[in-house]
């Protein structure tokens, strides 16, 4: 499952979208964080958060008592993470396949909403390398439980003159990790609703990789259509996004 979809006119590139991330992307539920830390079962676990983006989930781990380092391939994302770094977390620019750490450094590694970009053997070999023996690797995804993202993509398709890649087609994190040096993958789901103001919902769309595929001259028209859509579905002044938060955890095989 090798990824190189960045060649499709910015699909897979997020750096230019980073300023809207902290305005629009919501935190992960506390239940998911508690589940992860309970599995690790250490008082102050040393965690590497890969594909950390602007550090939203990285900060949550730190808030919950972990010692955390965040890495991301995108220097603009890391720059934004450092600018908002109230917990003095160490952030580094690094591809998942080449982490700047010694063998067996971390108690656990997390990938929040990012694993689908690097779900391949080379990346997983590197994740195993920097994990301690029996260390945990967690893949955490926000899976749509409603039609929020589907409806938005249908609108955006009107303004995109090429096929939109389906990065998560046949995507099975548990299967991938079990086949690449991890054992006994198990998952836990948490169901939540995220709420956005109409303005926040627009900002969220502008953090999606597919937004890069909309030509600049068409973006204003796309925003107009999205606003009309949100006005039609708004409930008590808010737009709802129904989600299944799925946490897949597996231990490094010996």
C-alpha atoms as a PDB file:
ATOM      1  CA  UNK A   1       0.000   0.000   0.000  1.00  0.00           C
ATOM      2  CA  UNK A   2       2.505   2.600  -1.194  1.00  0.00           C
ATOM      3  CA  UNK A   3       1.470   6.231  -1.295  1.00  0.00           C
ATOM      4  CA  UNK A   4       2.633   8.882  -3.762  1.00  0.00           C
ATOM      5  CA  UNK A   5      -0.622  10.740  -4.377  1.00  0.00           C
ATOM      6  CA  UNK A   6       1.014  14.100  -3.711  1.00  0.00           C
ATOM      7  CA  UNK A   7       1.667  14.387  -7.444  1.00  0.00           C
ATOM      8  CA  UNK A   8      -2.031  14.961  -8.109  1.00  0.00           C
ATOM      9  CA  UNK A   9      -2.007  18.738  -7.972  1.00  0.00           C
ATOM     10  CA  UNK A  10      -1.305  19.022  -4.294  1.00  0.00           C
ATOM     11  CA  UNK A  11      -3.378  16.051  -3.153  1.00  0.00           C
ATOM     12  CA  UNK A  12      -1.649  14.915   0.023  1.00  0.00           C
ATOM     13  CA  UNK A  13       0.011  18.277   0.647  1.00  0.00           C
ATOM     14  CA  UNK A  14      -1.226  20.068   3.745  1.00  0.00           C
ATOM     15  CA  UNK A  15       1.347  22.746   4.521  1.00  0.00           C
ATOM     16  CA  UNK A  16      -0.482  25.512   2.682  1.00  0.00           C
ATOM     17  CA  UNK A  17      -3.631  24.543   4.634  1.00  0.00           C
ATOM     18  CA  UNK A  18      -1.987  24.652   8.064  1.00  0.00           C
ATOM     19  CA  UNK A  19      -3.306  28.048   9.187  1.00  0.00           C
ATOM     20  CA  UNK A  20      -6.899  26.791   9.115  1.00  0.00           C
ATOM     21  CA  UNK A  21      -6.057  23.577  10.984  1.00  0.00           C
ATOM     22  CA  UNK A  22      -6.179  24.947  14.499  1.00  0.00           C
ATOM     23  CA  UNK A  23      -9.326  26.940  13.695  1.00  0.00           C
ATOM     24  CA  UNK A  24     -11.260  24.048  12.184  1.00  0.00           C
ATOM     25  CA  UNK A  25      -9.872  20.675  13.231  1.00  0.00           C
ATOM     26  CA  UNK A  26     -11.361  19.373  16.458  1.00  0.00           C
ATOM     27  CA  UNK A  27      -9.579  17.510  19.228  1.00  0.00           C
ATOM     28  CA  UNK A  28      -9.977  13.783  19.706  1.00  0.00           C
ATOM     29  CA  UNK A  29     -12.370  12.697  22.473  1.00  0.00           C
ATOM     30  CA  UNK A  30     -10.927  12.188  25.935  1.00  0.00           C
ATOM     31  CA  UNK A  31     -12.202   8.593  25.900  1.00  0.00           C
ATOM     32  CA  UNK A  32      -9.820   7.779  23.040  1.00  0.00           C
ATOM     33  CA  UNK A  33      -6.875   9.385  24.823  1.00  0.00           C
ATOM     34  CA  UNK A  34      -7.687   7.542  28.047  1.00  0.00           C
ATOM     35  CA  UNK A  35      -7.913   4.253  26.156  1.00  0.00           C
ATOM     36  CA  UNK A  36      -4.473   4.738  24.588  1.00  0.00           C
ATOM     37  CA  UNK A  37      -2.788   5.676  27.863  1.00  0.00           C
ATOM     38  CA  UNK A  38      -4.502   2.815  29.701  1.00  0.00           C
ATOM     39  CA  UNK A  39      -3.110   0.352  27.152  1.00  0.00           C
ATOM     40  CA  UNK A  40       0.425   1.725  27.502  1.00  0.00           C
ATOM     41  CA  UNK A  41       0.091   1.452  31.294  1.00  0.00           C
ATOM     42  CA  UNK A  42       3.051   3.658  32.264  1.00  0.00           C
ATOM     43  CA  UNK A  43       3.002   6.714  34.496  1.00  0.00           C
ATOM     44  CA  UNK A  44       4.792   9.039  32.051  1.00  0.00           C
ATOM     45  CA  UNK A  45       5.067   7.166  28.748  1.00  0.00           C
ATOM     46  CA  UNK A  46       7.453   8.411  26.086  1.00  0.00           C
ATOM     47  CA  UNK A  47       5.370   8.736  22.913  1.00  0.00           C
ATOM     48  CA  UNK A  48       6.245   9.602  19.324  1.00  0.00           C
ATOM     49  CA  UNK A  49       3.351  11.177  17.411  1.00  0.00           C
ATOM     50  CA  UNK A  50       4.069  10.693  13.703  1.00  0.00           C
ATOM     51  CA  UNK A  51       2.306  12.703  11.025  1.00  0.00           C
ATOM     52  CA  UNK A  52       1.548  15.119  13.845  1.00  0.00           C
ATOM     53  CA  UNK A  53       0.449  18.036  11.661  1.00  0.00           C
ATOM     54  CA  UNK A  54       0.017  21.188  13.736  1.00  0.00           C
ATOM     55  CA  UNK A  55       0.164  19.180  16.967  1.00  0.00           C
ATOM     56  CA  UNK A  56      -3.509  19.054  17.950  1.00  0.00           C
ATOM     57  CA  UNK A  57      -3.427  15.437  19.204  1.00  0.00           C
ATOM     58  CA  UNK A  58       0.225  15.767  20.260  1.00  0.00           C
ATOM     59  CA  UNK A  59      -0.800  18.445  22.753  1.00  0.00           C
ATOM     60  CA  UNK A  60      -3.649  16.280  24.017  1.00  0.00           C
ATOM     61  CA  UNK A  61      -1.215  13.474  24.807  1.00  0.00           C
ATOM     62  CA  UNK A  62       0.989  15.932  26.679  1.00  0.00           C
ATOM     63  CA  UNK A  63      -2.013  17.293  28.598  1.00  0.00           C
ATOM     64  CA  UNK A  64      -2.711  13.746  29.758  1.00  0.00           C
ATOM     65  CA  UNK A  65       0.729  13.212  31.260  1.00  0.00           C
ATOM     66  CA  UNK A  66       2.778  11.765  28.410  1.00  0.00           C
ATOM     67  CA  UNK A  67       6.208  12.939  27.326  1.00  0.00           C
ATOM     68  CA  UNK A  68       5.718  13.502  23.601  1.00  0.00           C
ATOM     69  CA  UNK A  69       7.727  14.223  20.466  1.00  0.00           C
ATOM     70  CA  UNK A  70       5.971  15.109  17.211  1.00  0.00           C
ATOM     71  CA  UNK A  71       7.250  14.588  13.671  1.00  0.00           C
ATOM     72  CA  UNK A  72       5.786  15.454  10.289  1.00  0.00           C
ATOM     73  CA  UNK A  73       7.143  15.505   6.761  1.00  0.00           C
ATOM     74  CA  UNK A  74       5.723  18.993   6.145  1.00  0.00           C
ATOM     75  CA  UNK A  75       7.855  21.856   7.440  1.00  0.00           C
ATOM     76  CA  UNK A  76       4.926  24.310   7.330  1.00  0.00           C
ATOM     77  CA  UNK A  77       2.906  22.066   9.626  1.00  0.00           C
ATOM     78  CA  UNK A  78       5.821  21.784  12.054  1.00  0.00           C
ATOM     79  CA  UNK A  79       6.334  25.543  11.949  1.00  0.00           C
ATOM     80  CA  UNK A  80       2.685  26.037  12.944  1.00  0.00           C
ATOM     81  CA  UNK A  81       2.989  23.413  15.703  1.00  0.00           C
ATOM     82  CA  UNK A  82       6.024  25.193  17.138  1.00  0.00           C
ATOM     83  CA  UNK A  83       4.265  28.572  17.002  1.00  0.00           C
ATOM     84  CA  UNK A  84       1.386  27.272  19.157  1.00  0.00           C
ATOM     85  CA  UNK A  85       3.577  25.136  21.427  1.00  0.00           C
ATOM     86  CA  UNK A  86       2.269  25.885  24.929  1.00  0.00           C
ATOM     87  CA  UNK A  87       3.561  22.550  26.312  1.00  0.00           C
ATOM     88  CA  UNK A  88       7.128  22.966  24.977  1.00  0.00           C
ATOM     89  CA  UNK A  89       6.838  19.771  22.938  1.00  0.00           C
ATOM     90  CA  UNK A  90       9.772  18.904  20.682  1.00  0.00           C
ATOM     91  CA  UNK A  91       8.754  18.907  17.023  1.00  0.00           C
ATOM     92  CA  UNK A  92      10.907  17.718  14.132  1.00  0.00           C
ATOM     93  CA  UNK A  93      10.538  17.657  10.348  1.00  0.00           C
ATOM     94  CA  UNK A  94      11.029  14.042   9.252  1.00  0.00           C
ATOM     95  CA  UNK A  95       9.423  11.515   6.905  1.00  0.00           C
ATOM     96  CA  UNK A  96       7.944   8.520   8.690  1.00  0.00           C
ATOM     97  CA  UNK A  97      10.376   6.281   6.819  1.00  0.00           C
ATOM     98  CA  UNK A  98      13.411   8.036   8.330  1.00  0.00           C
ATOM     99  CA  UNK A  99      12.891   9.007  11.966  1.00  0.00           C
ATOM    100  CA  UNK A 100      15.809  10.788  13.732  1.00  0.00           C
ATOM    101  CA  UNK A 101      15.812   8.562  16.816  1.00  0.00           C
ATOM    102  CA  UNK A 102      17.801   5.643  18.210  1.00  0.00           C
ATOM    103  CA  UNK A 103      16.512   2.077  18.141  1.00  0.00           C
ATOM    104  CA  UNK A 104      14.008   1.230  20.875  1.00  0.00           C
ATOM    105  CA  UNK A 105      13.418   4.810  22.023  1.00  0.00           C
ATOM    106  CA  UNK A 106       9.653   5.012  22.547  1.00  0.00           C
ATOM    107  CA  UNK A 107       7.071   3.280  24.718  1.00  0.00           C
ATOM    108  CA  UNK A 108       4.420   3.956  22.088  1.00  0.00           C
ATOM    109  CA  UNK A 109       3.898   5.583  18.698  1.00  0.00           C
ATOM    110  CA  UNK A 110       0.672   7.220  17.575  1.00  0.00           C
ATOM    111  CA  UNK A 111      -0.678   8.140  14.146  1.00  0.00           C
ATOM    112  CA  UNK A 112      -3.759  10.361  14.363  1.00  0.00           C
ATOM    113  CA  UNK A 113      -5.652  10.653  11.052  1.00  0.00           C
ATOM    114  CA  UNK A 114      -2.432  10.100   9.127  1.00  0.00           C
ATOM    115  CA  UNK A 115      -1.608   6.392   8.761  1.00  0.00           C
ATOM    116  CA  UNK A 116      -3.368   6.057   5.384  1.00  0.00           C
ATOM    117  CA  UNK A 117      -0.605   8.240   3.880  1.00  0.00           C
ATOM    118  CA  UNK A 118       2.196   5.860   4.887  1.00  0.00           C
ATOM    119  CA  UNK A 119       0.615   2.430   5.401  1.00  0.00           C
ATOM    120  CA  UNK A 120       3.526   0.543   3.862  1.00  0.00           C
ATOM    121  CA  UNK A 121       6.258  -1.874   4.916  1.00  0.00           C
ATOM    122  CA  UNK A 122       9.127   0.636   4.836  1.00  0.00           C
ATOM    123  CA  UNK A 123       7.313   3.003   7.195  1.00  0.00           C
ATOM    124  CA  UNK A 124       6.234   0.204   9.521  1.00  0.00           C
ATOM    125  CA  UNK A 125       9.765  -1.197   9.673  1.00  0.00           C
ATOM    126  CA  UNK A 126      10.944   2.231  10.825  1.00  0.00           C
ATOM    127  CA  UNK A 127       8.124   2.491  13.368  1.00  0.00           C
ATOM    128  CA  UNK A 128       9.147  -0.906  14.758  1.00  0.00           C
ATOM    129  CA  UNK A 129      12.787   0.161  14.890  1.00  0.00           C
ATOM    130  CA  UNK A 130      12.218   3.160  17.171  1.00  0.00           C
ATOM    131  CA  UNK A 131       9.716   1.328  19.407  1.00  0.00           C
ATOM    132  CA  UNK A 132      10.821  -0.442  22.562  1.00  0.00           C
ATOM    133  CA  UNK A 133      10.254  -4.219  22.692  1.00  0.00           C
ATOM    134  CA  UNK A 134       6.527  -4.830  23.251  1.00  0.00           C
ATOM    135  CA  UNK A 135       5.882  -1.145  22.543  1.00  0.00           C
ATOM    136  CA  UNK A 136       2.485  -0.073  21.264  1.00  0.00           C
ATOM    137  CA  UNK A 137       1.614   1.396  17.875  1.00  0.00           C
ATOM    138  CA  UNK A 138      -1.771   3.118  17.693  1.00  0.00           C
ATOM    139  CA  UNK A 139      -3.619   4.145  14.543  1.00  0.00           C
ATOM    140  CA  UNK A 140      -6.444   6.554  15.314  1.00  0.00           C
ATOM    141  CA  UNK A 141      -8.957   7.537  12.638  1.00  0.00           C
ATOM    142  CA  UNK A 142     -12.051   9.686  12.432  1.00  0.00           C
ATOM    143  CA  UNK A 143     -14.396   7.584  10.301  1.00  0.00           C
ATOM    144  CA  UNK A 144     -17.533   9.204   8.963  1.00  0.00           C
ATOM    145  CA  UNK A 145     -20.693   7.887  10.625  1.00  0.00           C
ATOM    146  CA  UNK A 146     -22.872  10.338   8.687  1.00  0.00           C
ATOM    147  CA  UNK A 147     -22.745  12.045   5.306  1.00  0.00           C
ATOM    148  CA  UNK A 148     -20.860  15.241   6.253  1.00  0.00           C
ATOM    149  CA  UNK A 149     -17.730  14.594   4.181  1.00  0.00           C
ATOM    150  CA  UNK A 150     -19.545  12.720   1.400  1.00  0.00           C
ATOM    151  CA  UNK A 151     -21.889  15.651   0.731  1.00  0.00           C
ATOM    152  CA  UNK A 152     -19.030  18.137   0.819  1.00  0.00           C
ATOM    153  CA  UNK A 153     -16.993  16.125  -1.677  1.00  0.00           C
ATOM    154  CA  UNK A 154     -20.006  15.912  -3.993  1.00  0.00           C
ATOM    155  CA  UNK A 155     -20.114  19.709  -4.026  1.00  0.00           C
ATOM    156  CA  UNK A 156     -16.369  20.050  -4.588  1.00  0.00           C
ATOM    157  CA  UNK A 157     -16.453  17.602  -7.508  1.00  0.00           C
ATOM    158  CA  UNK A 158     -18.294  20.265  -9.526  1.00  0.00           C
ATOM    159  CA  UNK A 159     -15.162  22.394  -9.379  1.00  0.00           C
ATOM    160  CA  UNK A 160     -12.516  19.698  -9.955  1.00  0.00           C
ATOM    161  CA  UNK A 161     -11.617  18.546 -13.462  1.00  0.00           C
ATOM    162  CA  UNK A 162      -9.889  15.323 -12.490  1.00  0.00           C
ATOM    163  CA  UNK A 163     -10.631  12.161 -10.560  1.00  0.00           C
ATOM    164  CA  UNK A 164     -10.373  12.525  -6.793  1.00  0.00           C
ATOM    165  CA  UNK A 165      -8.097   9.774  -5.399  1.00  0.00           C
ATOM    166  CA  UNK A 166      -9.677   7.456  -2.843  1.00  0.00           C
ATOM    167  CA  UNK A 167      -6.803   7.185  -0.384  1.00  0.00           C
ATOM    168  CA  UNK A 168      -8.792   4.984   2.006  1.00  0.00           C
ATOM    169  CA  UNK A 169     -10.114   2.501  -0.539  1.00  0.00           C
ATOM    170  CA  UNK A 170      -9.607  -1.001   0.897  1.00  0.00           C
ATOM    171  CA  UNK A 171      -7.803   0.605   3.833  1.00  0.00           C
ATOM    172  CA  UNK A 172      -7.579  -1.768   6.799  1.00  0.00           C
ATOM    173  CA  UNK A 173      -5.092  -0.574   9.456  1.00  0.00           C
ATOM    174  CA  UNK A 174      -5.338  -3.722  11.589  1.00  0.00           C
ATOM    175  CA  UNK A 175      -4.556  -5.956   8.610  1.00  0.00           C
ATOM    176  CA  UNK A 176      -1.619  -3.782   7.514  1.00  0.00           C
ATOM    177  CA  UNK A 177       0.057  -3.698  10.931  1.00  0.00           C
ATOM    178  CA  UNK A 178      -0.497  -7.408  11.571  1.00  0.00           C
ATOM    179  CA  UNK A 179       1.225  -8.209   8.270  1.00  0.00           C
ATOM    180  CA  UNK A 180       4.214  -5.965   8.996  1.00  0.00           C
ATOM    181  CA  UNK A 181       5.837  -6.853  12.282  1.00  0.00           C
ATOM    182  CA  UNK A 182       3.082  -6.196  14.816  1.00  0.00           C
ATOM    183  CA  UNK A 183       0.866  -8.676  16.601  1.00  0.00           C
ATOM    184  CA  UNK A 184      -2.644  -9.040  17.978  1.00  0.00           C
ATOM    185  CA  UNK A 185      -4.078  -5.801  16.613  1.00  0.00           C
ATOM    186  CA  UNK A 186      -7.242  -4.856  18.457  1.00  0.00           C
ATOM    187  CA  UNK A 187      -9.621  -1.976  17.993  1.00  0.00           C
ATOM    188  CA  UNK A 188     -11.994   0.142  20.035  1.00  0.00           C
ATOM    189  CA  UNK A 189     -14.592   2.575  18.708  1.00  0.00           C
ATOM    190  CA  UNK A 190     -16.020   5.736  20.234  1.00  0.00           C
ATOM    191  CA  UNK A 191     -18.975   7.541  18.659  1.00  0.00           C
ATOM    192  CA  UNK A 192     -19.078  11.319  18.840  1.00  0.00           C
ATOM    193  CA  UNK A 193     -20.575  14.347  17.114  1.00  0.00           C
ATOM    194  CA  UNK A 194     -18.411  17.315  16.178  1.00  0.00           C
ATOM    195  CA  UNK A 195     -20.143  20.676  15.919  1.00  0.00           C
ATOM    196  CA  UNK A 196     -19.119  23.530  13.629  1.00  0.00           C
ATOM    197  CA  UNK A 197     -20.430  26.987  13.016  1.00  0.00           C
ATOM    198  CA  UNK A 198     -21.032  27.502   9.269  1.00  0.00           C
ATOM    199  CA  UNK A 199     -17.797  29.506   9.126  1.00  0.00           C
ATOM    200  CA  UNK A 200     -15.859  26.749  10.904  1.00  0.00           C
ATOM    201  CA  UNK A 201     -17.326  24.177   8.511  1.00  0.00           C
ATOM    202  CA  UNK A 202     -15.938  26.177   5.574  1.00  0.00           C
ATOM    203  CA  UNK A 203     -12.560  26.364   7.309  1.00  0.00           C
ATOM    204  CA  UNK A 204     -12.666  22.597   7.810  1.00  0.00           C
ATOM    205  CA  UNK A 205     -13.246  22.000   4.095  1.00  0.00           C
ATOM    206  CA  UNK A 206     -10.243  24.221   3.437  1.00  0.00           C
ATOM    207  CA  UNK A 207      -8.071  21.864   5.523  1.00  0.00           C
ATOM    208  CA  UNK A 208      -9.021  18.824   3.428  1.00  0.00           C
ATOM    209  CA  UNK A 209      -6.383  17.701   0.936  1.00  0.00           C
ATOM    210  CA  UNK A 210      -8.984  17.688  -1.833  1.00  0.00           C
ATOM    211  CA  UNK A 211      -9.270  21.484  -1.476  1.00  0.00           C
ATOM    212  CA  UNK A 212      -5.886  21.744  -3.224  1.00  0.00           C
ATOM    213  CA  UNK A 213      -7.479  20.185  -6.310  1.00  0.00           C
ATOM    214  CA  UNK A 214      -9.941  23.073  -6.705  1.00  0.00           C
ATOM    215  CA  UNK A 215      -8.488  25.642  -9.099  1.00  0.00           C
ATOM    216  CA  UNK A 216      -7.849  29.019  -7.475  1.00  0.00           C
ATOM    217  CA  UNK A 217     -10.249  30.780  -9.845  1.00  0.00           C
ATOM    218  CA  UNK A 218     -13.038  28.385  -8.824  1.00  0.00           C
ATOM    219  CA  UNK A 219     -12.575  28.476  -5.045  1.00  0.00           C
ATOM    220  CA  UNK A 220     -14.855  31.459  -4.429  1.00  0.00           C
ATOM    221  CA  UNK A 221     -17.710  29.752  -6.297  1.00  0.00           C
ATOM    222  CA  UNK A 222     -17.054  26.519  -4.395  1.00  0.00           C
ATOM    223  CA  UNK A 223     -17.275  28.382  -1.076  1.00  0.00           C
ATOM    224  CA  UNK A 224     -20.567  29.976  -2.166  1.00  0.00           C
ATOM    225  CA  UNK A 225     -22.086  26.550  -2.895  1.00  0.00           C
ATOM    226  CA  UNK A 226     -20.773  25.126   0.378  1.00  0.00           C
ATOM    227  CA  UNK A 227     -22.294  28.013   2.339  1.00  0.00           C
ATOM    228  CA  UNK A 228     -25.683  27.364   0.722  1.00  0.00           C
ATOM    229  CA  UNK A 229     -25.400  23.691   1.627  1.00  0.00           C
ATOM    230  CA  UNK A 230     -24.559  24.413   5.263  1.00  0.00           C
ATOM    231  CA  UNK A 231     -27.426  26.896   5.524  1.00  0.00           C
ATOM    232  CA  UNK A 232     -29.793  24.104   4.446  1.00  0.00           C
ATOM    233  CA  UNK A 233     -28.587  21.539   6.989  1.00  0.00           C
ATOM    234  CA  UNK A 234     -27.827  23.749   9.983  1.00  0.00           C
ATOM    235  CA  UNK A 235     -29.393  22.743  13.319  1.00  0.00           C
ATOM    236  CA  UNK A 236     -29.653  25.278  16.129  1.00  0.00           C
ATOM    237  CA  UNK A 237     -26.916  27.356  14.541  1.00  0.00           C
ATOM    238  CA  UNK A 238     -24.505  24.429  14.169  1.00  0.00           C
ATOM    239  CA  UNK A 239     -23.407  21.957  11.515  1.00  0.00           C
ATOM    240  CA  UNK A 240     -23.071  18.363  12.739  1.00  0.00           C
ATOM    241  CA  UNK A 241     -20.449  15.816  11.785  1.00  0.00           C
ATOM    242  CA  UNK A 242     -21.171  12.313  13.094  1.00  0.00           C
ATOM    243  CA  UNK A 243     -18.038  10.258  13.665  1.00  0.00           C
ATOM    244  CA  UNK A 244     -16.733   6.879  14.718  1.00  0.00           C
ATOM    245  CA  UNK A 245     -13.342   7.353  16.375  1.00  0.00           C
ATOM    246  CA  UNK A 246     -11.582   4.048  15.800  1.00  0.00           C
ATOM    247  CA  UNK A 247      -8.399   3.252  17.716  1.00  0.00           C
ATOM    248  CA  UNK A 248      -6.378   0.303  16.418  1.00  0.00           C
ATOM    249  CA  UNK A 249      -3.578  -0.777  18.736  1.00  0.00           C
ATOM    250  CA  UNK A 250      -0.921  -3.443  18.199  1.00  0.00           C
ATOM    251  CA  UNK A 251       2.311  -4.380  19.937  1.00  0.00           C
ATOM    252  CA  UNK A 252       5.694  -4.705  18.322  1.00  0.00           C
ATOM    253  CA  UNK A 253       6.399  -8.345  17.580  1.00  0.00           C
ATOM    254  CA  UNK A 254       9.626  -9.695  19.072  1.00  0.00           C
END
